[in-house]
Amino acid sequence: MMTPLLFFAFLLLSRLPGSLCRVTTVGDLRVLEGRSVMIPCHYGPQYASYVKYWCRGSVKDLCTSLVRSDAPRGPAAAGEDKVAMFDDPVQQVFTVTMTELQKEDSGWYWCGVEVGGVWSADVTASLHINVIQGMSVVNSMVSGEEGTSVTVQCLYSQGYRYDLTSPL
C-alpha cells in the first residue's frame, strides 16, 4: 500500500516545477478571413535554450505540431505552410505568425516549451482563434473640418471581395 502512495507523491513532485513556471500568451482572438496574425508566447528565463513549439488541437497532448523552434519556417512561399516562428531568447518570447487565415483555421492553439523527460510535463498556454467573415474599421473615430475630406480605412474578409470589372 505504501509503494503506490510513494509513486504518486514522486509523480506529483516531479511535475510541480513545471506547474509553477508558465508560458503566457494573448487571450482568444477574432481575425478577419484572409488576414494575418502574430501571437507572442512569453516564457521564463530558465527556458531560453529549450525547444518551443506551436500546435493545434483542443487537447494539448493530442495537438498537431505546426512549427518548432528547432525547425523554424521562414516566410511562406506560394503553396507552402502559412505558419512561421521566431524565438527571441533575450526577450524570452517566441512569436508565431499565421498568414492568410481561412475559416477552417479557427480552433484551439497551444504555445509550448518542450521540457522533456518522462516525468516532466511541457509548459504550455492555449488560446482560441476564431476566423470570421466580416468588415471592420481601423479607427472608429475620425474628425475633420466642414468642407474637407475624411478618409476611413475599412478592412474586410475575402468573402466580401468582388471583381469590379464584371457586372453586378
N, C-alpha and C. Protein backbone atom coordinates (compact mmCIF):
# COMPACT_ATOMS: atom_id res chain seq x y z
N MET A 1 0.82 -1.20 0.00
CA MET A 1 0.00 0.00 0.00
C MET A 1 0.86 1.26 0.00
N MET A 2 2.01 1.20 0.64
CA MET A 2 2.87 2.37 0.72
C MET A 2 3.55 2.67 -0.62
N THR A 3 3.84 1.66 -1.41
CA THR A 3 4.53 1.85 -2.68
C THR A 3 3.71 2.70 -3.65
N PRO A 4 2.42 2.45 -3.88
CA PRO A 4 1.64 3.32 -4.78
C PRO A 4 1.57 4.75 -4.28
N LEU A 5 1.51 4.94 -2.96
CA LEU A 5 1.45 6.29 -2.40
C LEU A 5 2.76 7.03 -2.66
N LEU A 6 3.89 6.36 -2.48
CA LEU A 6 5.18 6.98 -2.76
C LEU A 6 5.32 7.32 -4.24
N PHE A 7 4.87 6.41 -5.10
CA PHE A 7 4.92 6.65 -6.54
C PHE A 7 4.09 7.88 -6.90
N PHE A 8 2.88 7.99 -6.33
CA PHE A 8 2.02 9.14 -6.59
C PHE A 8 2.68 10.43 -6.11
N ALA A 9 3.29 10.41 -4.92
CA ALA A 9 3.97 11.59 -4.38
C ALA A 9 5.13 11.99 -5.28
N PHE A 10 5.91 11.01 -5.75
CA PHE A 10 7.02 11.29 -6.65
C PHE A 10 6.53 11.90 -7.96
N LEU A 11 5.46 11.33 -8.50
CA LEU A 11 4.88 11.84 -9.74
C LEU A 11 4.40 13.28 -9.58
N LEU A 12 3.73 13.56 -8.48
CA LEU A 12 3.23 14.90 -8.21
C LEU A 12 4.37 15.90 -8.05
N LEU A 13 5.38 15.54 -7.28
CA LEU A 13 6.51 16.44 -7.05
C LEU A 13 7.35 16.65 -8.31
N SER A 14 7.45 15.65 -9.15
CA SER A 14 8.24 15.80 -10.38
C SER A 14 7.57 16.75 -11.36
N ARG A 15 6.26 16.91 -11.27
CA ARG A 15 5.54 17.82 -12.16
C ARG A 15 5.38 19.21 -11.56
N LEU A 16 5.65 19.36 -10.28
CA LEU A 16 5.43 20.63 -9.60
C LEU A 16 6.23 21.79 -10.19
N PRO A 17 7.54 21.66 -10.45
CA PRO A 17 8.27 22.80 -11.01
C PRO A 17 7.68 23.29 -12.33
N GLY A 18 7.23 22.38 -13.18
CA GLY A 18 6.62 22.77 -14.44
C GLY A 18 5.32 23.51 -14.25
N SER A 19 4.59 23.19 -13.18
CA SER A 19 3.32 23.87 -12.96
C SER A 19 3.52 25.26 -12.37
N LEU A 20 4.67 25.50 -11.73
CA LEU A 20 4.94 26.82 -11.17
C LEU A 20 5.53 27.77 -12.20
N CYS A 21 6.12 27.24 -13.25
CA CYS A 21 6.72 28.04 -14.31
C CYS A 21 5.76 28.01 -15.49
N ARG A 22 5.49 29.17 -16.05
CA ARG A 22 4.43 29.24 -17.04
C ARG A 22 4.90 29.78 -18.38
N VAL A 23 4.07 29.52 -19.36
CA VAL A 23 4.13 30.18 -20.65
C VAL A 23 2.85 31.01 -20.71
N THR A 24 2.94 32.24 -21.18
CA THR A 24 1.75 33.08 -21.29
C THR A 24 1.62 33.59 -22.72
N THR A 25 0.39 33.88 -23.10
CA THR A 25 0.13 34.42 -24.43
C THR A 25 -1.10 35.32 -24.35
N VAL A 26 -1.50 35.83 -25.49
CA VAL A 26 -2.68 36.69 -25.56
C VAL A 26 -3.93 35.87 -25.31
N GLY A 27 -5.04 36.55 -25.10
CA GLY A 27 -6.32 35.85 -24.93
C GLY A 27 -6.84 35.38 -26.28
N ASP A 28 -8.07 34.93 -26.28
CA ASP A 28 -8.69 34.45 -27.51
C ASP A 28 -8.75 35.56 -28.55
N LEU A 29 -8.65 35.18 -29.83
CA LEU A 29 -8.59 36.16 -30.91
C LEU A 29 -9.70 35.95 -31.93
N ARG A 30 -10.17 37.06 -32.49
CA ARG A 30 -11.06 37.06 -33.65
C ARG A 30 -10.29 37.73 -34.78
N VAL A 31 -10.16 37.04 -35.90
CA VAL A 31 -9.36 37.53 -37.01
C VAL A 31 -10.20 37.48 -38.28
N LEU A 32 -10.13 38.54 -39.08
CA LEU A 32 -10.85 38.55 -40.35
C LEU A 32 -10.23 37.55 -41.31
N GLU A 33 -11.07 36.84 -42.04
CA GLU A 33 -10.62 35.88 -43.04
C GLU A 33 -9.70 36.58 -44.05
N GLY A 34 -8.60 35.91 -44.39
CA GLY A 34 -7.64 36.45 -45.34
C GLY A 34 -6.55 37.29 -44.70
N ARG A 35 -6.69 37.62 -43.43
CA ARG A 35 -5.71 38.45 -42.73
C ARG A 35 -4.66 37.58 -42.05
N SER A 36 -3.67 38.24 -41.46
CA SER A 36 -2.59 37.56 -40.74
C SER A 36 -2.67 37.92 -39.26
N VAL A 37 -2.00 37.13 -38.44
CA VAL A 37 -1.96 37.40 -37.01
C VAL A 37 -0.58 37.00 -36.48
N MET A 38 -0.09 37.79 -35.51
CA MET A 38 1.16 37.47 -34.82
C MET A 38 0.84 37.23 -33.36
N ILE A 39 1.25 36.08 -32.85
CA ILE A 39 0.94 35.69 -31.47
C ILE A 39 2.23 35.60 -30.67
N PRO A 40 2.39 36.43 -29.62
CA PRO A 40 3.58 36.33 -28.77
C PRO A 40 3.36 35.27 -27.68
N CYS A 41 4.37 34.46 -27.45
CA CYS A 41 4.34 33.44 -26.40
C CYS A 41 5.53 33.72 -25.47
N HIS A 42 5.24 34.19 -24.27
CA HIS A 42 6.28 34.57 -23.32
C HIS A 42 6.62 33.39 -22.42
N TYR A 43 7.91 33.27 -22.08
CA TYR A 43 8.36 32.17 -21.23
C TYR A 43 9.42 32.68 -20.26
N GLY A 44 9.69 31.90 -19.22
CA GLY A 44 10.67 32.28 -18.21
C GLY A 44 12.10 32.09 -18.69
N PRO A 45 13.05 32.76 -18.04
CA PRO A 45 14.46 32.70 -18.46
C PRO A 45 15.04 31.29 -18.42
N GLN A 46 14.51 30.44 -17.56
CA GLN A 46 15.03 29.07 -17.47
C GLN A 46 14.76 28.26 -18.74
N TYR A 47 13.87 28.76 -19.62
CA TYR A 47 13.51 28.03 -20.84
C TYR A 47 14.15 28.60 -22.10
N ALA A 48 15.09 29.52 -21.96
CA ALA A 48 15.68 30.19 -23.13
C ALA A 48 16.28 29.21 -24.13
N SER A 49 16.90 28.14 -23.66
CA SER A 49 17.56 27.20 -24.57
C SER A 49 16.69 25.99 -24.93
N TYR A 50 15.47 25.94 -24.43
CA TYR A 50 14.59 24.80 -24.70
C TYR A 50 13.91 24.95 -26.06
N VAL A 51 13.43 23.84 -26.59
CA VAL A 51 12.68 23.84 -27.85
C VAL A 51 11.28 24.37 -27.58
N LYS A 52 10.84 25.31 -28.43
CA LYS A 52 9.48 25.86 -28.35
C LYS A 52 8.68 25.32 -29.53
N TYR A 53 7.36 25.26 -29.36
CA TYR A 53 6.52 24.77 -30.45
C TYR A 53 5.15 25.44 -30.44
N TRP A 54 4.47 25.34 -31.58
CA TRP A 54 3.12 25.85 -31.79
C TRP A 54 2.33 24.71 -32.38
N CYS A 55 1.23 24.35 -31.73
CA CYS A 55 0.45 23.24 -32.24
C CYS A 55 -1.04 23.56 -32.18
N ARG A 56 -1.81 22.74 -32.89
CA ARG A 56 -3.26 22.95 -32.98
C ARG A 56 -3.99 21.70 -32.50
N GLY A 57 -5.02 21.92 -31.68
CA GLY A 57 -5.85 20.83 -31.20
C GLY A 57 -6.55 21.23 -29.92
N SER A 58 -7.70 20.64 -29.66
CA SER A 58 -8.46 21.02 -28.47
C SER A 58 -7.84 20.49 -27.19
N VAL A 59 -7.00 19.45 -27.30
CA VAL A 59 -6.31 18.88 -26.15
C VAL A 59 -4.81 18.93 -26.44
N LYS A 60 -4.03 19.51 -25.53
CA LYS A 60 -2.60 19.70 -25.77
C LYS A 60 -1.87 18.40 -26.09
N ASP A 61 -2.19 17.35 -25.37
CA ASP A 61 -1.49 16.09 -25.58
C ASP A 61 -1.79 15.45 -26.93
N LEU A 62 -2.84 15.90 -27.60
CA LEU A 62 -3.21 15.35 -28.91
C LEU A 62 -3.09 16.38 -30.03
N CYS A 63 -2.45 17.51 -29.75
CA CYS A 63 -2.39 18.56 -30.76
C CYS A 63 -1.36 18.23 -31.84
N THR A 64 -1.59 18.80 -33.02
CA THR A 64 -0.71 18.60 -34.17
C THR A 64 0.29 19.73 -34.24
N SER A 65 1.57 19.40 -34.21
CA SER A 65 2.63 20.41 -34.26
C SER A 65 2.65 21.09 -35.63
N LEU A 66 2.64 22.43 -35.62
CA LEU A 66 2.67 23.19 -36.87
C LEU A 66 4.04 23.77 -37.15
N VAL A 67 4.77 24.14 -36.09
CA VAL A 67 6.11 24.68 -36.25
C VAL A 67 6.85 24.53 -34.92
N ARG A 68 8.18 24.35 -35.00
CA ARG A 68 9.02 24.18 -33.82
C ARG A 68 10.26 25.06 -33.95
N SER A 69 10.81 25.47 -32.82
CA SER A 69 12.00 26.33 -32.86
C SER A 69 13.24 25.58 -33.33
N ASP A 70 13.25 24.26 -33.24
CA ASP A 70 14.39 23.51 -33.75
C ASP A 70 14.25 23.20 -35.23
N ALA A 71 13.15 23.63 -35.84
CA ALA A 71 12.93 23.51 -37.28
C ALA A 71 12.02 24.64 -37.73
N PRO A 72 12.45 25.92 -37.50
CA PRO A 72 11.56 27.04 -37.83
C PRO A 72 11.38 27.20 -39.33
N ARG A 73 10.26 27.78 -39.68
CA ARG A 73 9.97 28.06 -41.08
C ARG A 73 10.00 29.56 -41.27
N GLY A 74 10.53 29.98 -42.38
CA GLY A 74 10.57 31.40 -42.70
C GLY A 74 9.26 31.84 -43.31
N PRO A 75 9.24 33.02 -43.93
CA PRO A 75 8.02 33.49 -44.58
C PRO A 75 7.53 32.47 -45.61
N ALA A 76 6.23 32.27 -45.64
CA ALA A 76 5.65 31.24 -46.51
C ALA A 76 5.76 31.63 -47.98
N ALA A 77 6.24 30.70 -48.78
CA ALA A 77 6.25 30.88 -50.23
C ALA A 77 4.91 30.37 -50.75
N ALA A 78 4.61 30.66 -52.00
CA ALA A 78 3.33 30.23 -52.58
C ALA A 78 3.16 28.73 -52.44
N GLY A 79 2.03 28.32 -51.88
CA GLY A 79 1.72 26.91 -51.74
C GLY A 79 2.34 26.25 -50.52
N GLU A 80 3.19 26.95 -49.77
CA GLU A 80 3.81 26.37 -48.59
C GLU A 80 2.98 26.68 -47.36
N ASP A 81 3.41 26.13 -46.24
CA ASP A 81 2.72 26.33 -44.98
C ASP A 81 2.64 27.82 -44.65
N LYS A 82 1.59 28.21 -43.95
CA LYS A 82 1.34 29.61 -43.65
C LYS A 82 1.70 29.97 -42.21
N VAL A 83 2.55 29.17 -41.56
CA VAL A 83 2.90 29.39 -40.17
C VAL A 83 4.42 29.52 -40.04
N ALA A 84 4.87 30.54 -39.31
CA ALA A 84 6.30 30.74 -39.07
C ALA A 84 6.51 31.10 -37.60
N MET A 85 7.72 30.84 -37.11
CA MET A 85 8.05 31.11 -35.71
C MET A 85 9.39 31.80 -35.63
N PHE A 86 9.49 32.77 -34.71
CA PHE A 86 10.76 33.42 -34.41
C PHE A 86 10.93 33.41 -32.90
N ASP A 87 12.05 32.87 -32.41
CA ASP A 87 12.33 32.82 -30.98
C ASP A 87 13.37 33.87 -30.62
N ASP A 88 13.07 34.69 -29.61
CA ASP A 88 13.99 35.70 -29.11
C ASP A 88 14.29 35.38 -27.65
N PRO A 89 15.35 34.58 -27.39
CA PRO A 89 15.65 34.18 -26.02
C PRO A 89 16.03 35.34 -25.10
N VAL A 90 16.56 36.42 -25.66
CA VAL A 90 16.92 37.58 -24.84
C VAL A 90 15.66 38.22 -24.26
N GLN A 91 14.62 38.36 -25.09
CA GLN A 91 13.35 38.94 -24.64
C GLN A 91 12.43 37.88 -24.02
N GLN A 92 12.83 36.62 -24.10
CA GLN A 92 12.07 35.49 -23.55
C GLN A 92 10.66 35.42 -24.15
N VAL A 93 10.63 35.47 -25.47
CA VAL A 93 9.36 35.38 -26.19
C VAL A 93 9.59 34.72 -27.54
N PHE A 94 8.68 33.83 -27.92
CA PHE A 94 8.69 33.39 -29.31
C PHE A 94 7.39 33.86 -29.94
N THR A 95 7.50 34.26 -31.20
CA THR A 95 6.37 34.84 -31.90
C THR A 95 5.98 33.94 -33.05
N VAL A 96 4.70 33.61 -33.12
CA VAL A 96 4.17 32.79 -34.19
C VAL A 96 3.39 33.70 -35.13
N THR A 97 3.66 33.58 -36.43
CA THR A 97 2.93 34.34 -37.43
C THR A 97 2.13 33.37 -38.29
N MET A 98 0.84 33.63 -38.38
CA MET A 98 -0.05 32.84 -39.24
C MET A 98 -0.59 33.79 -40.30
N THR A 99 -0.47 33.41 -41.57
CA THR A 99 -0.87 34.28 -42.66
C THR A 99 -2.06 33.70 -43.42
N GLU A 100 -2.77 34.60 -44.11
CA GLU A 100 -3.89 34.23 -44.98
C GLU A 100 -4.85 33.26 -44.30
N LEU A 101 -5.30 33.63 -43.11
CA LEU A 101 -6.18 32.76 -42.34
C LEU A 101 -7.52 32.55 -43.03
N GLN A 102 -8.02 31.33 -42.94
CA GLN A 102 -9.31 30.97 -43.51
C GLN A 102 -10.21 30.44 -42.39
N LYS A 103 -11.50 30.36 -42.66
CA LYS A 103 -12.48 29.90 -41.66
C LYS A 103 -12.05 28.57 -41.04
N GLU A 104 -11.51 27.66 -41.85
CA GLU A 104 -11.10 26.34 -41.34
C GLU A 104 -9.88 26.41 -40.42
N ASP A 105 -9.22 27.57 -40.33
CA ASP A 105 -8.11 27.74 -39.39
C ASP A 105 -8.60 28.05 -37.98
N SER A 106 -9.90 28.26 -37.81
CA SER A 106 -10.46 28.50 -36.47
C SER A 106 -10.22 27.28 -35.60
N GLY A 107 -9.89 27.51 -34.33
CA GLY A 107 -9.70 26.40 -33.41
C GLY A 107 -8.78 26.75 -32.26
N TRP A 108 -8.44 25.72 -31.47
CA TRP A 108 -7.56 25.86 -30.31
C TRP A 108 -6.12 25.68 -30.73
N TYR A 109 -5.24 26.56 -30.22
CA TYR A 109 -3.81 26.50 -30.49
C TYR A 109 -3.05 26.56 -29.17
N TRP A 110 -1.82 26.05 -29.19
CA TRP A 110 -1.00 25.96 -27.98
C TRP A 110 0.40 26.49 -28.23
N CYS A 111 0.86 27.39 -27.35
CA CYS A 111 2.27 27.76 -27.25
C CYS A 111 2.88 26.75 -26.29
N GLY A 112 4.01 26.17 -26.63
CA GLY A 112 4.59 25.19 -25.73
C GLY A 112 6.10 25.26 -25.66
N VAL A 113 6.62 24.90 -24.49
CA VAL A 113 8.05 24.72 -24.28
C VAL A 113 8.24 23.25 -23.96
N GLU A 114 9.08 22.60 -24.75
CA GLU A 114 9.33 21.17 -24.59
C GLU A 114 10.33 20.97 -23.46
N VAL A 115 9.82 20.58 -22.30
CA VAL A 115 10.67 20.41 -21.12
C VAL A 115 11.45 19.10 -21.23
N GLY A 116 10.82 18.08 -21.78
CA GLY A 116 11.49 16.81 -22.00
C GLY A 116 11.48 15.92 -20.77
N GLY A 117 11.79 14.69 -20.99
CA GLY A 117 11.82 13.73 -19.90
C GLY A 117 10.47 13.07 -19.70
N VAL A 118 10.51 11.86 -19.18
CA VAL A 118 9.29 11.08 -18.96
C VAL A 118 8.44 11.69 -17.86
N TRP A 119 9.07 12.27 -16.84
CA TRP A 119 8.35 12.74 -15.66
C TRP A 119 8.08 14.23 -15.68
N SER A 120 8.43 14.92 -16.73
CA SER A 120 8.24 16.37 -16.79
C SER A 120 7.24 16.73 -17.89
N ALA A 121 6.21 17.45 -17.50
CA ALA A 121 5.21 17.90 -18.48
C ALA A 121 5.72 19.16 -19.17
N ASP A 122 5.37 19.31 -20.45
CA ASP A 122 5.70 20.53 -21.17
C ASP A 122 4.97 21.71 -20.52
N VAL A 123 5.53 22.89 -20.68
CA VAL A 123 4.92 24.10 -20.16
C VAL A 123 4.18 24.74 -21.33
N THR A 124 2.88 24.98 -21.18
CA THR A 124 2.06 25.42 -22.31
C THR A 124 1.07 26.52 -21.92
N ALA A 125 0.53 27.17 -22.94
CA ALA A 125 -0.59 28.11 -22.79
C ALA A 125 -1.45 27.96 -24.05
N SER A 126 -2.75 28.05 -23.88
CA SER A 126 -3.65 27.86 -25.02
C SER A 126 -4.40 29.15 -25.35
N LEU A 127 -4.88 29.21 -26.58
CA LEU A 127 -5.77 30.29 -26.99
C LEU A 127 -6.65 29.78 -28.12
N HIS A 128 -7.78 30.41 -28.29
CA HIS A 128 -8.70 30.04 -29.36
C HIS A 128 -8.69 31.14 -30.40
N ILE A 129 -8.52 30.75 -31.66
CA ILE A 129 -8.57 31.70 -32.78
C ILE A 129 -9.86 31.44 -33.54
N ASN A 130 -10.63 32.50 -33.73
CA ASN A 130 -11.88 32.42 -34.47
C ASN A 130 -11.73 33.28 -35.72
N VAL A 131 -11.67 32.64 -36.89
CA VAL A 131 -11.54 33.36 -38.16
C VAL A 131 -12.95 33.64 -38.65
N ILE A 132 -13.23 34.92 -38.86
CA ILE A 132 -14.59 35.34 -39.20
C ILE A 132 -14.63 36.07 -40.54
N GLN A 133 -15.79 36.01 -41.17
CA GLN A 133 -16.03 36.85 -42.34
C GLN A 133 -16.68 38.12 -41.82
N GLY A 134 -16.31 39.23 -42.39
CA GLY A 134 -16.91 40.47 -41.94
C GLY A 134 -16.09 41.67 -42.36
N MET A 135 -16.42 42.78 -41.73
CA MET A 135 -15.73 44.03 -42.00
C MET A 135 -15.41 44.71 -40.68
N SER A 136 -14.37 45.53 -40.69
CA SER A 136 -14.04 46.33 -39.52
C SER A 136 -13.43 47.64 -39.98
N VAL A 137 -13.47 48.61 -39.11
CA VAL A 137 -12.90 49.92 -39.38
C VAL A 137 -11.64 50.05 -38.55
N VAL A 138 -10.55 50.55 -39.16
CA VAL A 138 -9.28 50.68 -38.45
C VAL A 138 -9.42 51.66 -37.29
N ASN A 139 -9.94 52.85 -37.54
CA ASN A 139 -10.19 53.84 -36.49
C ASN A 139 -11.67 54.17 -36.50
N SER A 140 -12.35 53.90 -35.40
CA SER A 140 -13.79 54.13 -35.38
C SER A 140 -14.15 55.58 -35.11
N MET A 141 -13.17 56.42 -34.80
CA MET A 141 -13.45 57.83 -34.57
C MET A 141 -12.57 58.66 -35.50
N VAL A 142 -13.19 59.48 -36.31
CA VAL A 142 -12.45 60.37 -37.21
C VAL A 142 -12.95 61.79 -37.01
N SER A 143 -12.12 62.74 -37.37
CA SER A 143 -12.54 64.13 -37.26
C SER A 143 -12.06 64.88 -38.49
N GLY A 144 -12.69 65.98 -38.75
CA GLY A 144 -12.33 66.80 -39.90
C GLY A 144 -13.07 68.12 -39.82
N GLU A 145 -12.73 68.99 -40.73
CA GLU A 145 -13.40 70.29 -40.78
C GLU A 145 -14.41 70.28 -41.91
N GLU A 146 -15.46 71.04 -41.73
CA GLU A 146 -16.50 71.13 -42.74
C GLU A 146 -15.90 71.57 -44.06
N GLY A 147 -16.28 70.87 -45.12
CA GLY A 147 -15.79 71.20 -46.45
C GLY A 147 -14.52 70.47 -46.83
N THR A 148 -13.91 69.73 -45.89
CA THR A 148 -12.71 68.96 -46.21
C THR A 148 -13.07 67.48 -46.30
N SER A 149 -12.16 66.69 -46.81
CA SER A 149 -12.43 65.26 -46.93
C SER A 149 -11.90 64.50 -45.71
N VAL A 150 -12.50 63.35 -45.48
CA VAL A 150 -12.12 62.46 -44.39
C VAL A 150 -11.89 61.08 -44.99
N THR A 151 -10.85 60.41 -44.56
CA THR A 151 -10.56 59.06 -45.04
C THR A 151 -10.82 58.06 -43.92
N VAL A 152 -11.58 57.02 -44.25
CA VAL A 152 -11.87 55.95 -43.31
C VAL A 152 -11.37 54.66 -43.94
N GLN A 153 -10.47 53.96 -43.23
CA GLN A 153 -9.92 52.71 -43.75
C GLN A 153 -10.76 51.55 -43.24
N CYS A 154 -11.32 50.77 -44.17
CA CYS A 154 -12.14 49.61 -43.83
C CYS A 154 -11.42 48.33 -44.23
N LEU A 155 -11.44 47.35 -43.35
CA LEU A 155 -10.89 46.03 -43.65
C LEU A 155 -12.05 45.08 -43.84
N TYR A 156 -11.91 44.14 -44.76
CA TYR A 156 -12.99 43.19 -45.00
C TYR A 156 -12.39 41.85 -45.39
N SER A 157 -13.15 40.79 -45.13
CA SER A 157 -12.67 39.45 -45.44
C SER A 157 -12.86 39.16 -46.93
N GLN A 158 -12.21 38.10 -47.39
CA GLN A 158 -12.22 37.75 -48.81
C GLN A 158 -13.62 37.49 -49.33
N GLY A 159 -14.53 37.05 -48.48
CA GLY A 159 -15.90 36.77 -48.91
C GLY A 159 -16.63 38.00 -49.40
N TYR A 160 -16.15 39.19 -49.06
CA TYR A 160 -16.80 40.43 -49.48
C TYR A 160 -16.13 41.06 -50.70
N ARG A 161 -15.12 40.42 -51.23
CA ARG A 161 -14.43 40.96 -52.41
C ARG A 161 -15.16 40.53 -53.67
N TYR A 162 -15.17 41.39 -54.65
CA TYR A 162 -15.74 41.04 -55.94
C TYR A 162 -14.96 41.74 -57.03
N ASP A 163 -15.13 41.27 -58.23
CA ASP A 163 -14.43 41.80 -59.38
C ASP A 163 -15.14 43.06 -59.86
N LEU A 164 -14.45 44.20 -59.81
CA LEU A 164 -15.05 45.47 -60.21
C LEU A 164 -15.26 45.57 -61.71
N THR A 165 -14.61 44.69 -62.48
CA THR A 165 -14.75 44.76 -63.93
C THR A 165 -15.96 43.99 -64.43
N SER A 166 -16.54 43.12 -63.59
CA SER A 166 -17.71 42.35 -64.04
C SER A 166 -18.99 43.02 -63.55
N PRO A 167 -20.09 42.84 -64.29
CA PRO A 167 -21.35 43.45 -63.86
C PRO A 167 -21.86 42.78 -62.58
N LEU A 168 -22.51 43.57 -61.74
CA LEU A 168 -23.07 43.04 -60.50
C LEU A 168 -24.29 42.29 -60.84
